Amino acid sequence: MELKTLYAAAVRAQWHSRWSDDETRYFPAPELGEALSYSPDDHSQPNFGEEIQPFWADEQTHRIKEDA
């Protein structure tokens, strides 16, 4: 009997940039037209149990194109 160990990795990425003293931009941002603003209480920490979270890139929202 052969035993195999499987591993999976969950990746979450967020980038933010200060554009001026009173303005910081967070990426990836929701689509234009979505009524969602960045909230540190709601969006500063990723949830590794969920995919496709606002303001977080993951394996589902930024997949590698297989035809490239």
N, C-alpha and C. Protein backbone atom coordinates (compact mmCIF):
# COMPACT_ATOMS: atom_id res chain seq x y z
N MET A 1 0.84 -1.18 0.00
CA MET A 1 0.00 0.00 0.00
C MET A 1 0.89 1.25 0.00
N GLU A 2 0.63 2.13 -0.94
CA GLU A 2 1.40 3.35 -1.05
C GLU A 2 0.60 4.50 -0.43
N LEU A 3 1.23 5.24 0.47
CA LEU A 3 0.59 6.40 1.08
C LEU A 3 1.03 7.67 0.36
N LYS A 4 0.10 8.53 0.09
CA LYS A 4 0.41 9.79 -0.54
C LYS A 4 -0.05 10.93 0.37
N THR A 5 0.74 11.95 0.42
CA THR A 5 0.38 13.14 1.18
C THR A 5 0.10 14.26 0.20
N LEU A 6 -1.05 14.87 0.33
CA LEU A 6 -1.44 15.97 -0.55
C LEU A 6 -1.41 17.27 0.23
N TYR A 7 -0.92 18.30 -0.42
CA TYR A 7 -0.87 19.62 0.19
C TYR A 7 -1.58 20.61 -0.73
N ALA A 8 -2.13 21.62 -0.14
CA ALA A 8 -2.75 22.70 -0.91
C ALA A 8 -2.32 24.02 -0.29
N ALA A 9 -2.17 25.00 -1.13
CA ALA A 9 -1.78 26.34 -0.66
C ALA A 9 -2.88 27.33 -1.01
N ALA A 10 -3.19 28.18 -0.08
CA ALA A 10 -4.15 29.26 -0.33
C ALA A 10 -3.37 30.57 -0.28
N VAL A 11 -3.51 31.36 -1.33
CA VAL A 11 -2.77 32.61 -1.44
C VAL A 11 -3.76 33.77 -1.46
N ARG A 12 -3.48 34.78 -0.68
CA ARG A 12 -4.27 36.00 -0.70
C ARG A 12 -3.29 37.16 -0.78
N ALA A 13 -3.54 38.10 -1.67
CA ALA A 13 -2.64 39.25 -1.83
C ALA A 13 -3.45 40.53 -1.90
N GLN A 14 -2.89 41.57 -1.29
CA GLN A 14 -3.51 42.89 -1.32
C GLN A 14 -2.38 43.91 -1.39
N TRP A 15 -2.56 44.92 -2.22
CA TRP A 15 -1.57 45.97 -2.36
C TRP A 15 -2.24 47.30 -2.10
N HIS A 16 -1.57 48.16 -1.35
CA HIS A 16 -2.13 49.49 -1.16
C HIS A 16 -1.03 50.53 -1.33
N SER A 17 -1.46 51.69 -1.79
CA SER A 17 -0.52 52.76 -2.10
C SER A 17 -1.11 54.09 -1.63
N ARG A 18 -0.29 54.85 -0.95
CA ARG A 18 -0.74 56.18 -0.50
C ARG A 18 -0.51 57.16 -1.64
N TRP A 19 -1.58 57.78 -2.11
CA TRP A 19 -1.51 58.72 -3.23
C TRP A 19 -1.34 60.15 -2.75
N SER A 20 -1.80 60.44 -1.57
CA SER A 20 -1.64 61.76 -0.96
C SER A 20 -1.81 61.56 0.55
N ASP A 21 -1.70 62.65 1.30
CA ASP A 21 -1.82 62.53 2.75
C ASP A 21 -3.15 61.98 3.21
N ASP A 22 -4.20 62.19 2.43
CA ASP A 22 -5.52 61.76 2.86
C ASP A 22 -6.14 60.71 1.95
N GLU A 23 -5.36 60.12 1.04
CA GLU A 23 -5.93 59.14 0.12
C GLU A 23 -5.01 57.93 -0.05
N THR A 24 -5.54 56.77 0.23
CA THR A 24 -4.84 55.51 0.02
C THR A 24 -5.70 54.66 -0.89
N ARG A 25 -5.10 54.02 -1.89
CA ARG A 25 -5.82 53.15 -2.82
C ARG A 25 -5.47 51.70 -2.50
N TYR A 26 -6.48 50.83 -2.60
CA TYR A 26 -6.32 49.41 -2.31
C TYR A 26 -6.62 48.60 -3.56
N PHE A 27 -5.77 47.63 -3.85
CA PHE A 27 -5.91 46.79 -5.04
C PHE A 27 -5.76 45.32 -4.66
N PRO A 28 -6.46 44.42 -5.30
CA PRO A 28 -7.38 44.68 -6.39
C PRO A 28 -8.66 45.31 -5.87
N ALA A 29 -9.19 46.24 -6.63
CA ALA A 29 -10.41 46.94 -6.26
C ALA A 29 -11.61 46.26 -6.92
N PRO A 30 -12.79 46.41 -6.35
CA PRO A 30 -14.00 45.87 -6.99
C PRO A 30 -14.22 46.52 -8.36
N GLU A 31 -15.05 45.90 -9.16
CA GLU A 31 -15.37 46.42 -10.49
C GLU A 31 -15.97 47.82 -10.37
N LEU A 32 -15.74 48.64 -11.39
CA LEU A 32 -16.35 49.97 -11.41
C LEU A 32 -17.87 49.82 -11.35
N GLY A 33 -18.49 50.70 -10.62
CA GLY A 33 -19.94 50.65 -10.50
C GLY A 33 -20.42 49.90 -9.27
N GLU A 34 -19.55 49.12 -8.62
CA GLU A 34 -19.94 48.42 -7.39
C GLU A 34 -19.90 49.42 -6.24
N ALA A 35 -20.92 49.45 -5.45
CA ALA A 35 -21.02 50.38 -4.32
C ALA A 35 -20.36 49.76 -3.09
N LEU A 36 -19.02 49.66 -3.13
CA LEU A 36 -18.29 49.06 -2.03
C LEU A 36 -17.06 49.90 -1.76
N SER A 37 -16.88 50.35 -0.53
CA SER A 37 -15.71 51.13 -0.12
C SER A 37 -14.86 50.29 0.81
N TYR A 38 -13.56 50.53 0.78
CA TYR A 38 -12.64 49.80 1.64
C TYR A 38 -12.90 50.15 3.10
N SER A 39 -12.98 49.14 3.93
CA SER A 39 -13.15 49.31 5.37
C SER A 39 -12.09 48.47 6.07
N PRO A 40 -11.21 49.09 6.86
CA PRO A 40 -10.19 48.31 7.56
C PRO A 40 -10.78 47.20 8.44
N ASP A 41 -11.93 47.45 9.03
CA ASP A 41 -12.55 46.43 9.88
C ASP A 41 -13.00 45.22 9.06
N ASP A 42 -13.43 45.44 7.82
CA ASP A 42 -13.96 44.36 7.00
C ASP A 42 -12.98 43.78 5.99
N HIS A 43 -11.96 44.55 5.57
CA HIS A 43 -11.15 44.13 4.44
C HIS A 43 -9.64 44.06 4.70
N SER A 44 -9.17 44.33 5.91
CA SER A 44 -7.73 44.37 6.14
C SER A 44 -7.11 42.98 6.37
N GLN A 45 -7.90 41.99 6.71
CA GLN A 45 -7.38 40.64 6.94
C GLN A 45 -8.08 39.65 6.01
N PRO A 46 -7.31 38.79 5.35
CA PRO A 46 -7.96 37.82 4.45
C PRO A 46 -8.60 36.68 5.22
N ASN A 47 -9.58 36.06 4.61
CA ASN A 47 -10.20 34.84 5.13
C ASN A 47 -9.75 33.71 4.21
N PHE A 48 -8.87 32.85 4.70
CA PHE A 48 -8.33 31.78 3.86
C PHE A 48 -9.33 30.67 3.60
N GLY A 49 -10.47 30.71 4.25
CA GLY A 49 -11.51 29.73 4.00
C GLY A 49 -12.47 30.14 2.89
N GLU A 50 -12.35 31.36 2.41
CA GLU A 50 -13.23 31.87 1.36
C GLU A 50 -12.40 32.34 0.17
N GLU A 51 -12.98 32.23 -1.02
CA GLU A 51 -12.36 32.76 -2.22
C GLU A 51 -13.20 33.92 -2.73
N ILE A 52 -12.62 34.70 -3.63
CA ILE A 52 -13.28 35.82 -4.28
C ILE A 52 -13.80 36.82 -3.23
N GLN A 53 -12.89 37.33 -2.42
CA GLN A 53 -13.20 38.34 -1.42
C GLN A 53 -12.88 39.73 -1.96
N PRO A 54 -13.70 40.72 -1.65
CA PRO A 54 -13.40 42.08 -2.11
C PRO A 54 -12.04 42.55 -1.59
N PHE A 55 -11.28 43.20 -2.43
CA PHE A 55 -9.97 43.78 -2.12
C PHE A 55 -8.88 42.74 -1.88
N TRP A 56 -9.09 41.50 -2.26
CA TRP A 56 -8.07 40.45 -2.12
C TRP A 56 -7.98 39.64 -3.40
N ALA A 57 -6.77 39.46 -3.88
CA ALA A 57 -6.53 38.59 -5.04
C ALA A 57 -6.30 37.18 -4.51
N ASP A 58 -6.81 36.19 -5.24
CA ASP A 58 -6.59 34.80 -4.85
C ASP A 58 -6.47 33.92 -6.09
N GLU A 59 -6.40 32.62 -5.89
CA GLU A 59 -6.20 31.68 -7.00
C GLU A 59 -7.37 31.68 -7.98
N GLN A 60 -8.56 32.08 -7.53
CA GLN A 60 -9.74 32.07 -8.39
C GLN A 60 -9.91 33.39 -9.14
N THR A 61 -9.64 34.51 -8.50
CA THR A 61 -9.86 35.79 -9.14
C THR A 61 -8.74 36.16 -10.11
N HIS A 62 -7.57 35.58 -9.95
CA HIS A 62 -6.42 35.90 -10.81
C HIS A 62 -5.76 34.61 -11.28
N ARG A 63 -6.51 33.80 -11.99
CA ARG A 63 -6.01 32.53 -12.51
C ARG A 63 -5.05 32.75 -13.66
N ILE A 64 -4.12 31.82 -13.84
CA ILE A 64 -3.23 31.83 -14.99
C ILE A 64 -4.02 31.37 -16.21
N LYS A 65 -3.91 32.11 -17.29
CA LYS A 65 -4.61 31.75 -18.51
C LYS A 65 -3.92 30.54 -19.12
N GLU A 66 -4.67 29.47 -19.34
CA GLU A 66 -4.07 28.23 -19.84
C GLU A 66 -3.74 28.28 -21.31
N ASP A 67 -4.34 29.20 -22.06
CA ASP A 67 -4.07 29.30 -23.49
C ASP A 67 -2.88 30.20 -23.81
N ALA A 68 -2.27 30.78 -22.77
CA ALA A 68 -1.15 31.70 -22.98
C ALA A 68 0.15 30.95 -23.17
